[in-house]
Amino acid sequence: MSSPEIASLSWGQMKVKGCSTTYKDCKVWPGGSRTWDWRETGTNHSPGVQPADLEEVVKKGVKTMVIGCGMSEALQVPPSTMDYLKKNGIDVLVLQTEKAVEEYNALAARGVKVGGVFHSTC
């Protein structure tokens, strides 16, 4: 199962190839995607992305996780989240969201088992 391409990104909107939903923030993994609802885990810009935000994607067997931390990089990624990924043997890239989408799509096109979480606003 391959990771779906992120077809488009603009402020507050993301589209994943093969999915009719327009996302504000999204999670993607080999074979799927869904809305990333921060309310599920109590996530805020600070302290930022929690391990609980990533568990669903990690369980899909990804080898690389790409985190898009916003168009202005307002979303933080604390050390505990980086440690969680490293402990699970997952390479991680934390990038401004436009760069994160480019990197994610390049990895997906090469057949890497890549997943990601992407914040499409600040």
C-alpha atoms as a PDB file:
ATOM      1  CA  MET A   1       0.000   0.000   0.000  1.00  0.00           C
ATOM      2  CA  SER A   2       1.458   3.355  -1.006  1.00  0.00           C
ATOM      3  CA  SER A   3       1.238   6.725   0.695  1.00  0.00           C
ATOM      4  CA  PRO A   4      -1.237   9.047  -1.054  1.00  0.00           C
ATOM      5  CA  GLU A   5       0.021  12.167  -2.772  1.00  0.00           C
ATOM      6  CA  ILE A   6      -0.950  15.520  -1.293  1.00  0.00           C
ATOM      7  CA  ALA A   7      -2.523  17.072  -4.368  1.00  0.00           C
ATOM      8  CA  SER A   8      -2.817  20.687  -3.217  1.00  0.00           C
ATOM      9  CA  LEU A   9      -2.061  23.023  -0.341  1.00  0.00           C
ATOM     10  CA  SER A  10      -3.153  26.570   0.328  1.00  0.00           C
ATOM     11  CA  TRP A  11      -3.831  28.560   3.488  1.00  0.00           C
ATOM     12  CA  GLY A  12      -6.361  26.529   5.484  1.00  0.00           C
ATOM     13  CA  GLN A  13      -6.955  23.913   2.771  1.00  0.00           C
ATOM     14  CA  MET A  14      -5.332  20.638   1.783  1.00  0.00           C
ATOM     15  CA  LYS A  15      -6.427  18.003  -0.720  1.00  0.00           C
ATOM     16  CA  VAL A  16      -5.179  14.422  -0.802  1.00  0.00           C
ATOM     17  CA  LYS A  17      -5.248  12.561  -4.106  1.00  0.00           C
ATOM     18  CA  GLY A  18      -8.088  10.046  -4.237  1.00  0.00           C
ATOM     19  CA  CYS A  19     -10.026  11.702  -1.385  1.00  0.00           C
ATOM     20  CA  SER A  20     -12.956  14.075  -1.854  1.00  0.00           C
ATOM     21  CA  THR A  21     -12.495  15.761   1.535  1.00  0.00           C
ATOM     22  CA  THR A  22     -10.832  19.155   1.847  1.00  0.00           C
ATOM     23  CA  TYR A  23      -8.797  19.253   5.048  1.00  0.00           C
ATOM     24  CA  LYS A  24      -7.633  22.145   7.203  1.00  0.00           C
ATOM     25  CA  ASP A  25      -5.147  19.945   9.032  1.00  0.00           C
ATOM     26  CA  CYS A  26      -4.632  16.340   8.036  1.00  0.00           C
ATOM     27  CA  LYS A  27      -2.971  13.039   8.810  1.00  0.00           C
ATOM     28  CA  VAL A  28      -1.778  10.807   5.959  1.00  0.00           C
ATOM     29  CA  TRP A  29      -0.363   7.284   5.897  1.00  0.00           C
ATOM     30  CA  PRO A  30       0.080   4.447   3.402  1.00  0.00           C
ATOM     31  CA  GLY A  31      -3.424   3.811   2.112  1.00  0.00           C
ATOM     32  CA  GLY A  32      -5.297   6.648   3.765  1.00  0.00           C
ATOM     33  CA  SER A  33      -5.861  10.077   5.227  1.00  0.00           C
ATOM     34  CA  ARG A  34      -8.188  11.886   7.591  1.00  0.00           C
ATOM     35  CA  THR A  35      -8.770  15.171   9.358  1.00  0.00           C
ATOM     36  CA  TRP A  36      -6.282  15.962  12.093  1.00  0.00           C
ATOM     37  CA  ASP A  37      -8.600  17.247  14.814  1.00  0.00           C
ATOM     38  CA  TRP A  38      -6.491  18.851  17.526  1.00  0.00           C
ATOM     39  CA  ARG A  39      -9.402  18.623  19.978  1.00  0.00           C
ATOM     40  CA  GLU A  40      -8.957  14.830  20.120  1.00  0.00           C
ATOM     41  CA  THR A  41      -5.662  15.204  22.001  1.00  0.00           C
ATOM     42  CA  GLY A  42      -5.824  18.762  23.338  1.00  0.00           C
ATOM     43  CA  THR A  43      -3.108  19.911  20.942  1.00  0.00           C
ATOM     44  CA  ASN A  44      -2.271  23.614  20.688  1.00  0.00           C
ATOM     45  CA  HIS A  45       0.516  25.525  18.947  1.00  0.00           C
ATOM     46  CA  SER A  46       2.446  25.251  22.210  1.00  0.00           C
ATOM     47  CA  PRO A  47       3.591  22.782  23.446  1.00  0.00           C
ATOM     48  CA  GLY A  48       2.640  21.474  20.004  1.00  0.00           C
ATOM     49  CA  VAL A  49       2.410  18.050  18.394  1.00  0.00           C
ATOM     50  CA  GLN A  50       1.914  15.319  20.997  1.00  0.00           C
ATOM     51  CA  PRO A  51       2.824  11.632  20.639  1.00  0.00           C
ATOM     52  CA  ALA A  52      -0.930  10.934  20.790  1.00  0.00           C
ATOM     53  CA  ASP A  53      -1.346  12.966  17.573  1.00  0.00           C
ATOM     54  CA  LEU A  54       1.015  10.560  15.799  1.00  0.00           C
ATOM     55  CA  GLU A  55       0.040   7.163  17.252  1.00  0.00           C
ATOM     56  CA  GLU A  56      -2.548   6.405  14.570  1.00  0.00           C
ATOM     57  CA  VAL A  57      -0.037   7.072  11.784  1.00  0.00           C
ATOM     58  CA  VAL A  58       2.788   5.210  13.558  1.00  0.00           C
ATOM     59  CA  LYS A  59       0.536   2.138  13.888  1.00  0.00           C
ATOM     60  CA  LYS A  60       0.237   2.055  10.074  1.00  0.00           C
ATOM     61  CA  GLY A  61       3.885   0.956   9.909  1.00  0.00           C
ATOM     62  CA  VAL A  62       5.489   4.117   8.555  1.00  0.00           C
ATOM     63  CA  LYS A  63       9.266   4.338   8.377  1.00  0.00           C
ATOM     64  CA  THR A  64       9.371   8.140   8.020  1.00  0.00           C
ATOM     65  CA  MET A  65       7.115  10.794   9.569  1.00  0.00           C
ATOM     66  CA  VAL A  66       6.860  14.279   8.083  1.00  0.00           C
ATOM     67  CA  ILE A  67       5.477  16.993  10.345  1.00  0.00           C
ATOM     68  CA  GLY A  68       4.265  20.198   8.696  1.00  0.00           C
ATOM     69  CA  CYS A  69       4.423  22.784  11.467  1.00  0.00           C
ATOM     70  CA  GLY A  70       2.426  25.507   9.720  1.00  0.00           C
ATOM     71  CA  MET A  71       2.869  28.089   7.002  1.00  0.00           C
ATOM     72  CA  SER A  72       4.597  30.379   9.529  1.00  0.00           C
ATOM     73  CA  GLU A  73       5.963  27.467  11.591  1.00  0.00           C
ATOM     74  CA  ALA A  74       3.807  28.355  14.625  1.00  0.00           C
ATOM     75  CA  LEU A  75       3.171  24.713  15.590  1.00  0.00           C
ATOM     76  CA  GLN A  76       5.868  23.395  17.898  1.00  0.00           C
ATOM     77  CA  VAL A  77       7.228  19.855  18.181  1.00  0.00           C
ATOM     78  CA  PRO A  78       8.483  19.135  21.711  1.00  0.00           C
ATOM     79  CA  PRO A  79      11.411  16.814  22.497  1.00  0.00           C
ATOM     80  CA  SER A  80       9.026  14.194  23.943  1.00  0.00           C
ATOM     81  CA  THR A  81       7.407  13.813  20.517  1.00  0.00           C
ATOM     82  CA  MET A  82      10.757  13.470  18.765  1.00  0.00           C
ATOM     83  CA  ASP A  83      11.814  10.884  21.372  1.00  0.00           C
ATOM     84  CA  TYR A  84       8.584   8.926  20.830  1.00  0.00           C
ATOM     85  CA  LEU A  85       9.277   8.660  17.091  1.00  0.00           C
ATOM     86  CA  LYS A  86      12.942   7.757  17.540  1.00  0.00           C
ATOM     87  CA  LYS A  87      12.010   5.097  20.130  1.00  0.00           C
ATOM     88  CA  ASN A  88       9.736   3.568  17.474  1.00  0.00           C
ATOM     89  CA  GLY A  89      12.551   3.577  14.885  1.00  0.00           C
ATOM     90  CA  ILE A  90      10.907   6.241  12.736  1.00  0.00           C
ATOM     91  CA  ASP A  91      12.868   8.912  10.884  1.00  0.00           C
ATOM     92  CA  VAL A  92      11.295  12.328  11.319  1.00  0.00           C
ATOM     93  CA  LEU A  93      11.334  15.564   9.341  1.00  0.00           C
ATOM     94  CA  VAL A  94       9.898  18.750  10.869  1.00  0.00           C
ATOM     95  CA  LEU A  95       9.433  21.429   8.231  1.00  0.00           C
ATOM     96  CA  GLN A  96       7.415  24.477   7.283  1.00  0.00           C
ATOM     97  CA  THR A  97       4.232  23.005   5.798  1.00  0.00           C
ATOM     98  CA  GLU A  98       4.851  23.856   2.131  1.00  0.00           C
ATOM     99  CA  LYS A  99       8.329  22.299   2.341  1.00  0.00           C
ATOM    100  CA  ALA A 100       6.913  19.385   4.346  1.00  0.00           C
ATOM    101  CA  VAL A 101       4.364  18.617   1.617  1.00  0.00           C
ATOM    102  CA  GLU A 102       7.077  18.728  -1.068  1.00  0.00           C
ATOM    103  CA  GLU A 103       9.292  16.352   0.932  1.00  0.00           C
ATOM    104  CA  TYR A 104       6.401  14.037   1.813  1.00  0.00           C
ATOM    105  CA  ASN A 105       5.321  13.801  -1.853  1.00  0.00           C
ATOM    106  CA  ALA A 106       8.907  13.117  -2.974  1.00  0.00           C
ATOM    107  CA  LEU A 107       9.253  10.302  -0.420  1.00  0.00           C
ATOM    108  CA  ALA A 108       5.842   8.853  -1.341  1.00  0.00           C
ATOM    109  CA  ALA A 109       6.759   8.933  -5.048  1.00  0.00           C
ATOM    110  CA  ARG A 110       9.897   6.891  -4.255  1.00  0.00           C
ATOM    111  CA  GLY A 111       7.760   4.272  -2.499  1.00  0.00           C
ATOM    112  CA  VAL A 112       8.890   5.104   1.035  1.00  0.00           C
ATOM    113  CA  LYS A 113       6.399   4.084   3.751  1.00  0.00           C
ATOM    114  CA  VAL A 114       5.873   7.697   4.777  1.00  0.00           C
ATOM    115  CA  GLY A 115       3.206   9.266   6.930  1.00  0.00           C
ATOM    116  CA  GLY A 116       2.619  12.767   8.079  1.00  0.00           C
ATOM    117  CA  VAL A 117       0.647  15.339   9.963  1.00  0.00           C
ATOM    118  CA  PHE A 118       0.202  18.745   8.391  1.00  0.00           C
ATOM    119  CA  HIS A 119      -1.004  22.091   9.788  1.00  0.00           C
ATOM    120  CA  SER A 120      -2.181  24.293   6.910  1.00  0.00           C
ATOM    121  CA  THR A 121      -2.474  27.678   8.612  1.00  0.00           C
ATOM    122  CA  CYS A 122      -0.147  29.623  10.906  1.00  0.00           C
END
